[in-house]
Amino acid sequence: MTETAPPELLDALRLTLIPGIGPVAQTALLNRFHSASAVFHASRDDLLRVEGIGPKLAHAILERRASDEAEREWDECRRLNVAFARLGEPLYPPYLKNIPDPPQLLYVRGELSPADGVALAVVGSRRCTLYGRQQAERFAQQLATAGVTIVSGLARGIDGAAHAGALPTGTVAVLGGGVDDVYPPDNADLYAQIAERGCIVSESPIGA
């Protein structure tokens, strides 16, 4: 039997899927109404009182009340073994919540750990030299062995080398598209290993 989504998580997902409502608008709505479910029970006039919410976005929110888009997204995430980390929950990356516009919801394929709070981002050129690739992998391996989680973007070049160096202890890949979007395609094997030993993270919906 398919696992049923908790109603508040489903409404948080529903809110995230509305085009034009990014992290800043979501934060403003949640500050006003205190929960995603309450947002969808608000009247048009109440929605329009929220800073950044005009007639177009208010209409989009009201229109999504009866939509099954979030349920379909939930089912697809269950099929792909994708979980969620919500802002305010223990496994939400602690430093991410301190930026000006943290995403309310993260898609996670793999497993986030409290130990990932000690992290270092390694990013660099896609068209790097062999020496650059070797050093990125070496530094990442040494830092990971010392207990530092290596975070990068799964791109060609330095990013991929850093992930490869940190694989034995786990690494986190943050994607610009959905967590199901393996890009570049030649990093497919690396993607699979990261999902198994660390995690793939995105704020974008499945298929993005």
C-alpha atoms as a PDB file:
ATOM      1  CA  MET A   1       0.000   0.000   0.000  1.00  0.00           C
ATOM      2  CA  THR A   2       1.302   3.479  -0.887  1.00  0.00           C
ATOM      3  CA  GLU A   3       2.477   5.507   2.094  1.00  0.00           C
ATOM      4  CA  THR A   4       0.192   8.463   2.782  1.00  0.00           C
ATOM      5  CA  ALA A   5       1.806  11.884   3.006  1.00  0.00           C
ATOM      6  CA  PRO A   6       1.355  13.846   6.253  1.00  0.00           C
ATOM      7  CA  PRO A   7      -1.153  16.628   5.416  1.00  0.00           C
ATOM      8  CA  GLU A   8       1.131  19.495   6.466  1.00  0.00           C
ATOM      9  CA  LEU A   9       4.032  18.118   4.421  1.00  0.00           C
ATOM     10  CA  LEU A  10       1.714  17.678   1.457  1.00  0.00           C
ATOM     11  CA  ASP A  11       0.598  21.309   1.732  1.00  0.00           C
ATOM     12  CA  ALA A  12       4.213  22.452   2.077  1.00  0.00           C
ATOM     13  CA  LEU A  13       4.957  20.541  -1.106  1.00  0.00           C
ATOM     14  CA  ARG A  14       1.875  22.032  -2.776  1.00  0.00           C
ATOM     15  CA  LEU A  15       3.095  25.529  -1.904  1.00  0.00           C
ATOM     16  CA  THR A  16       6.587  24.805  -3.207  1.00  0.00           C
ATOM     17  CA  LEU A  17       5.191  23.660  -6.566  1.00  0.00           C
ATOM     18  CA  ILE A  18       3.392  26.941  -7.318  1.00  0.00           C
ATOM     19  CA  PRO A  19       5.328  28.818 -10.033  1.00  0.00           C
ATOM     20  CA  GLY A  20       6.430  32.261  -8.887  1.00  0.00           C
ATOM     21  CA  ILE A  21       6.394  31.473  -5.179  1.00  0.00           C
ATOM     22  CA  GLY A  22      10.023  31.101  -4.181  1.00  0.00           C
ATOM     23  CA  PRO A  23      11.673  30.921  -0.753  1.00  0.00           C
ATOM     24  CA  VAL A  24      11.119  34.630   0.070  1.00  0.00           C
ATOM     25  CA  ALA A  25       7.397  34.536  -0.712  1.00  0.00           C
ATOM     26  CA  GLN A  26       6.985  31.214   1.100  1.00  0.00           C
ATOM     27  CA  THR A  27       8.674  32.613   4.195  1.00  0.00           C
ATOM     28  CA  ALA A  28       6.409  35.683   4.124  1.00  0.00           C
ATOM     29  CA  LEU A  29       3.313  33.487   3.825  1.00  0.00           C
ATOM     30  CA  LEU A  30       4.396  31.149   6.618  1.00  0.00           C
ATOM     31  CA  ASN A  31       5.288  34.053   8.885  1.00  0.00           C
ATOM     32  CA  ARG A  32       1.769  35.392   8.394  1.00  0.00           C
ATOM     33  CA  PHE A  33      -0.249  32.149   8.518  1.00  0.00           C
ATOM     34  CA  HIS A  34       2.160  29.915  10.533  1.00  0.00           C
ATOM     35  CA  SER A  35       1.682  26.780   8.421  1.00  0.00           C
ATOM     36  CA  ALA A  36       1.378  25.753   4.798  1.00  0.00           C
ATOM     37  CA  SER A  37      -2.058  24.271   5.473  1.00  0.00           C
ATOM     38  CA  ALA A  38      -3.261  27.601   6.851  1.00  0.00           C
ATOM     39  CA  VAL A  39      -2.040  29.341   3.692  1.00  0.00           C
ATOM     40  CA  PHE A  40      -4.450  27.242   1.621  1.00  0.00           C
ATOM     41  CA  HIS A  41      -7.327  28.061   3.972  1.00  0.00           C
ATOM     42  CA  ALA A  42      -6.713  31.805   3.769  1.00  0.00           C
ATOM     43  CA  SER A  43      -9.033  34.114   1.868  1.00  0.00           C
ATOM     44  CA  ARG A  44      -7.951  36.082  -1.175  1.00  0.00           C
ATOM     45  CA  ASP A  45      -8.028  39.319   0.838  1.00  0.00           C
ATOM     46  CA  ASP A  46      -5.831  37.841   3.564  1.00  0.00           C
ATOM     47  CA  LEU A  47      -3.350  36.553   0.980  1.00  0.00           C
ATOM     48  CA  LEU A  48      -3.134  39.984  -0.621  1.00  0.00           C
ATOM     49  CA  ARG A  49      -2.122  41.482   2.723  1.00  0.00           C
ATOM     50  CA  VAL A  50       1.134  39.490   2.615  1.00  0.00           C
ATOM     51  CA  GLU A  51       4.084  41.441   1.268  1.00  0.00           C
ATOM     52  CA  GLY A  52       5.074  40.200  -2.182  1.00  0.00           C
ATOM     53  CA  ILE A  53       1.745  38.449  -2.860  1.00  0.00           C
ATOM     54  CA  GLY A  54      -0.214  40.188  -5.594  1.00  0.00           C
ATOM     55  CA  PRO A  55      -3.446  39.191  -7.360  1.00  0.00           C
ATOM     56  CA  LYS A  56      -1.690  36.729  -9.685  1.00  0.00           C
ATOM     57  CA  LEU A  57       0.007  34.758  -6.897  1.00  0.00           C
ATOM     58  CA  ALA A  58      -3.072  34.901  -4.671  1.00  0.00           C
ATOM     59  CA  HIS A  59      -5.102  33.410  -7.524  1.00  0.00           C
ATOM     60  CA  ALA A  60      -2.472  30.697  -8.052  1.00  0.00           C
ATOM     61  CA  ILE A  61      -2.635  29.729  -4.365  1.00  0.00           C
ATOM     62  CA  LEU A  62      -6.429  29.565  -4.363  1.00  0.00           C
ATOM     63  CA  GLU A  63      -6.394  27.577  -7.607  1.00  0.00           C
ATOM     64  CA  ARG A  64      -4.026  24.965  -6.159  1.00  0.00           C
ATOM     65  CA  ARG A  65      -6.341  24.097  -3.261  1.00  0.00           C
ATOM     66  CA  ALA A  66      -8.112  21.432  -5.314  1.00  0.00           C
ATOM     67  CA  SER A  67      -5.100  20.358  -7.353  1.00  0.00           C
ATOM     68  CA  ASP A  68      -3.671  16.835  -7.028  1.00  0.00           C
ATOM     69  CA  GLU A  69      -0.242  17.987  -8.211  1.00  0.00           C
ATOM     70  CA  ALA A  70       1.323  17.611  -4.753  1.00  0.00           C
ATOM     71  CA  GLU A  71      -0.086  14.093  -4.366  1.00  0.00           C
ATOM     72  CA  ARG A  72       1.396  13.094  -7.713  1.00  0.00           C
ATOM     73  CA  GLU A  73       4.740  14.632  -6.749  1.00  0.00           C
ATOM     74  CA  TRP A  74       4.642  12.725  -3.458  1.00  0.00           C
ATOM     75  CA  ASP A  75       3.936   9.437  -5.219  1.00  0.00           C
ATOM     76  CA  GLU A  76       6.805  10.020  -7.639  1.00  0.00           C
ATOM     77  CA  CYS A  77       9.148  10.802  -4.744  1.00  0.00           C
ATOM     78  CA  ARG A  78       8.123   7.573  -3.000  1.00  0.00           C
ATOM     79  CA  ARG A  79       8.827   5.671  -6.213  1.00  0.00           C
ATOM     80  CA  LEU A  80      12.282   7.233  -6.513  1.00  0.00           C
ATOM     81  CA  ASN A  81      13.058   6.863  -2.793  1.00  0.00           C
ATOM     82  CA  VAL A  82      13.272  10.623  -2.347  1.00  0.00           C
ATOM     83  CA  ALA A  83      12.652  12.097   1.109  1.00  0.00           C
ATOM     84  CA  PHE A  84      12.212  15.678   2.320  1.00  0.00           C
ATOM     85  CA  ALA A  85      13.994  17.938   4.791  1.00  0.00           C
ATOM     86  CA  ARG A  86      11.917  20.904   5.941  1.00  0.00           C
ATOM     87  CA  LEU A  87      13.217  24.144   7.370  1.00  0.00           C
ATOM     88  CA  GLY A  88      13.133  23.848  11.160  1.00  0.00           C
ATOM     89  CA  GLU A  89      13.594  20.072  11.235  1.00  0.00           C
ATOM     90  CA  PRO A  90      16.737  18.560  12.840  1.00  0.00           C
ATOM     91  CA  LEU A  91      18.271  17.239   9.606  1.00  0.00           C
ATOM     92  CA  TYR A  92      17.857  20.487   7.687  1.00  0.00           C
ATOM     93  CA  PRO A  93      21.405  21.767   6.974  1.00  0.00           C
ATOM     94  CA  PRO A  94      22.143  24.153   9.873  1.00  0.00           C
ATOM     95  CA  TYR A  95      24.079  26.758   7.890  1.00  0.00           C
ATOM     96  CA  LEU A  96      21.572  26.804   5.039  1.00  0.00           C
ATOM     97  CA  LYS A  97      18.828  28.045   7.340  1.00  0.00           C
ATOM     98  CA  ASN A  98      20.886  31.151   8.130  1.00  0.00           C
ATOM     99  CA  ILE A  99      20.989  32.538   4.573  1.00  0.00           C
ATOM    100  CA  PRO A 100      18.554  35.364   3.686  1.00  0.00           C
ATOM    101  CA  ASP A 101      16.254  33.130   1.607  1.00  0.00           C
ATOM    102  CA  PRO A 102      16.528  29.480   2.715  1.00  0.00           C
ATOM    103  CA  PRO A 103      14.313  27.030   0.811  1.00  0.00           C
ATOM    104  CA  GLN A 104      11.447  25.765   2.944  1.00  0.00           C
ATOM    105  CA  LEU A 105      11.720  22.258   1.519  1.00  0.00           C
ATOM    106  CA  LEU A 106      14.634  20.179   0.261  1.00  0.00           C
ATOM    107  CA  TYR A 107      14.356  17.035  -1.827  1.00  0.00           C
ATOM    108  CA  VAL A 108      16.854  14.463  -0.555  1.00  0.00           C
ATOM    109  CA  ARG A 109      17.943  11.271  -2.278  1.00  0.00           C
ATOM    110  CA  GLY A 110      20.186   9.355   0.097  1.00  0.00           C
ATOM    111  CA  GLU A 111      20.707  10.342   3.696  1.00  0.00           C
ATOM    112  CA  LEU A 112      21.547  13.615   5.378  1.00  0.00           C
ATOM    113  CA  SER A 113      23.332  13.267   8.707  1.00  0.00           C
ATOM    114  CA  PRO A 114      23.888  15.621  11.672  1.00  0.00           C
ATOM    115  CA  ALA A 115      27.594  15.163  10.928  1.00  0.00           C
ATOM    116  CA  ASP A 116      27.023  17.005   7.640  1.00  0.00           C
ATOM    117  CA  GLY A 117      26.859  20.193   9.697  1.00  0.00           C
ATOM    118  CA  VAL A 118      30.662  20.201   9.464  1.00  0.00           C
ATOM    119  CA  ALA A 119      30.973  20.754   5.749  1.00  0.00           C
ATOM    120  CA  LEU A 120      33.123  22.374   3.110  1.00  0.00           C
ATOM    121  CA  ALA A 121      32.042  23.297  -0.405  1.00  0.00           C
ATOM    122  CA  VAL A 122      34.513  22.492  -3.170  1.00  0.00           C
ATOM    123  CA  VAL A 123      33.729  24.038  -6.555  1.00  0.00           C
ATOM    124  CA  GLY A 124      35.842  24.810  -9.584  1.00  0.00           C
ATOM    125  CA  SER A 125      36.355  24.766 -13.308  1.00  0.00           C
ATOM    126  CA  ARG A 126      34.645  22.206 -15.497  1.00  0.00           C
ATOM    127  CA  ARG A 127      37.577  22.369 -17.922  1.00  0.00           C
ATOM    128  CA  CYS A 128      40.287  21.831 -15.365  1.00  0.00           C
ATOM    129  CA  THR A 129      43.798  20.483 -15.770  1.00  0.00           C
ATOM    130  CA  LEU A 130      44.744  16.949 -14.800  1.00  0.00           C
ATOM    131  CA  TYR A 131      46.754  18.405 -11.926  1.00  0.00           C
ATOM    132  CA  GLY A 132      43.743  20.401 -10.728  1.00  0.00           C
ATOM    133  CA  ARG A 133      41.540  17.315 -10.826  1.00  0.00           C
ATOM    134  CA  GLN A 134      44.103  15.256  -8.905  1.00  0.00           C
ATOM    135  CA  GLN A 135      44.553  17.898  -6.210  1.00  0.00           C
ATOM    136  CA  ALA A 136      40.809  18.430  -5.779  1.00  0.00           C
ATOM    137  CA  GLU A 137      40.348  14.703  -5.275  1.00  0.00           C
ATOM    138  CA  ARG A 138      43.321  14.508  -2.878  1.00  0.00           C
ATOM    139  CA  PHE A 139      42.214  17.452  -0.726  1.00  0.00           C
ATOM    140  CA  ALA A 140      38.625  16.191  -0.634  1.00  0.00           C
ATOM    141  CA  GLN A 141      39.760  12.735   0.437  1.00  0.00           C
ATOM    142  CA  GLN A 142      41.917  14.089   3.245  1.00  0.00           C
ATOM    143  CA  LEU A 143      39.232  16.450   4.510  1.00  0.00           C
ATOM    144  CA  ALA A 144      36.567  13.754   4.362  1.00  0.00           C
ATOM    145  CA  THR A 145      38.813  11.375   6.300  1.00  0.00           C
ATOM    146  CA  ALA A 146      39.133  14.088   8.961  1.00  0.00           C
ATOM    147  CA  GLY A 147      35.335  14.226   9.321  1.00  0.00           C
ATOM    148  CA  VAL A 148      34.465  17.095   6.991  1.00  0.00           C
ATOM    149  CA  THR A 149      31.540  16.537   4.612  1.00  0.00           C
ATOM    150  CA  ILE A 150      32.449  17.592   1.077  1.00  0.00           C
ATOM    151  CA  VAL A 151      29.691  19.426  -0.763  1.00  0.00           C
ATOM    152  CA  SER A 152      29.743  20.175  -4.480  1.00  0.00           C
ATOM    153  CA  GLY A 153      27.553  20.381  -7.560  1.00  0.00           C
ATOM    154  CA  LEU A 154      28.240  17.126  -9.469  1.00  0.00           C
ATOM    155  CA  ALA A 155      29.523  19.074 -12.473  1.00  0.00           C
ATOM    156  CA  ARG A 156      32.380  17.925 -14.683  1.00  0.00           C
ATOM    157  CA  GLY A 157      35.935  18.732 -13.632  1.00  0.00           C
ATOM    158  CA  ILE A 158      36.704  19.898 -10.098  1.00  0.00           C
ATOM    159  CA  ASP A 159      33.219  19.169  -8.707  1.00  0.00           C
ATOM    160  CA  GLY A 160      33.261  15.547  -9.819  1.00  0.00           C
ATOM    161  CA  ALA A 161      36.833  15.066  -8.609  1.00  0.00           C
ATOM    162  CA  ALA A 162      35.951  16.398  -5.150  1.00  0.00           C
ATOM    163  CA  HIS A 163      32.958  14.064  -4.899  1.00  0.00           C
ATOM    164  CA  ALA A 164      35.095  11.120  -6.008  1.00  0.00           C
ATOM    165  CA  GLY A 165      37.712  11.837  -3.359  1.00  0.00           C
ATOM    166  CA  ALA A 166      35.106  12.012  -0.588  1.00  0.00           C
ATOM    167  CA  LEU A 167      33.063   8.977  -1.685  1.00  0.00           C
ATOM    168  CA  PRO A 168      34.441   6.507   0.881  1.00  0.00           C
ATOM    169  CA  THR A 169      33.039   8.563   3.774  1.00  0.00           C
ATOM    170  CA  GLY A 170      30.055  10.156   2.021  1.00  0.00           C
ATOM    171  CA  THR A 171      29.563  13.398   0.124  1.00  0.00           C
ATOM    172  CA  VAL A 172      26.670  15.732  -0.680  1.00  0.00           C
ATOM    173  CA  ALA A 173      25.779  16.817  -4.221  1.00  0.00           C
ATOM    174  CA  VAL A 174      23.587  19.909  -4.565  1.00  0.00           C
ATOM    175  CA  LEU A 175      21.835  20.002  -7.940  1.00  0.00           C
ATOM    176  CA  GLY A 176      20.374  22.887  -9.900  1.00  0.00           C
ATOM    177  CA  GLY A 177      17.699  20.594 -11.344  1.00  0.00           C
ATOM    178  CA  GLY A 178      15.586  17.924  -9.692  1.00  0.00           C
ATOM    179  CA  VAL A 179      17.262  15.136  -7.731  1.00  0.00           C
ATOM    180  CA  ASP A 180      16.263  12.732 -10.524  1.00  0.00           C
ATOM    181  CA  ASP A 181      18.116  14.780 -13.159  1.00  0.00           C
ATOM    182  CA  VAL A 182      21.512  13.124 -13.705  1.00  0.00           C
ATOM    183  CA  TYR A 183      23.595  15.832 -15.336  1.00  0.00           C
ATOM    184  CA  PRO A 184      26.060  15.660 -16.892  1.00  0.00           C
ATOM    185  CA  PRO A 185      25.189  12.134 -18.143  1.00  0.00           C
ATOM    186  CA  ASP A 186      28.800  10.988 -17.933  1.00  0.00           C
ATOM    187  CA  ASN A 187      28.596  11.432 -14.138  1.00  0.00           C
ATOM    188  CA  ALA A 188      25.785   8.858 -13.875  1.00  0.00           C
ATOM    189  CA  ASP A 189      27.950   6.295 -12.065  1.00  0.00           C
ATOM    190  CA  LEU A 190      29.199   8.956  -9.653  1.00  0.00           C
ATOM    191  CA  TYR A 191      25.612  10.089  -9.057  1.00  0.00           C
ATOM    192  CA  ALA A 192      24.570   6.530  -8.144  1.00  0.00           C
ATOM    193  CA  GLN A 193      27.465   6.120  -5.726  1.00  0.00           C
ATOM    194  CA  ILE A 194      26.768   9.451  -4.025  1.00  0.00           C
ATOM    195  CA  ALA A 195      23.093   8.542  -3.587  1.00  0.00           C
ATOM    196  CA  GLU A 196      24.155   5.280  -1.956  1.00  0.00           C
ATOM    197  CA  ARG A 197      26.955   6.584   0.294  1.00  0.00           C
ATOM    198  CA  GLY A 198      25.948  10.203   0.846  1.00  0.00           C
ATOM    199  CA  CYS A 199      23.074  12.176  -0.604  1.00  0.00           C
ATOM    200  CA  ILE A 200      21.769  14.194  -3.528  1.00  0.00           C
ATOM    201  CA  VAL A 201      19.976  17.418  -2.586  1.00  0.00           C
ATOM    202  CA  SER A 202      17.853  19.919  -4.512  1.00  0.00           C
ATOM    203  CA  GLU A 203      15.213  22.530  -3.873  1.00  0.00           C
ATOM    204  CA  SER A 204      13.724  21.919  -7.336  1.00  0.00           C
ATOM    205  CA  PRO A 205      10.798  19.581  -8.079  1.00  0.00           C
ATOM    206  CA  ILE A 206      11.150  16.140  -9.641  1.00  0.00           C
ATOM    207  CA  GLY A 207      11.784  16.469 -13.355  1.00  0.00           C
ATOM    208  CA  ALA A 208      13.085  20.029 -13.182  1.00  0.00           C
END
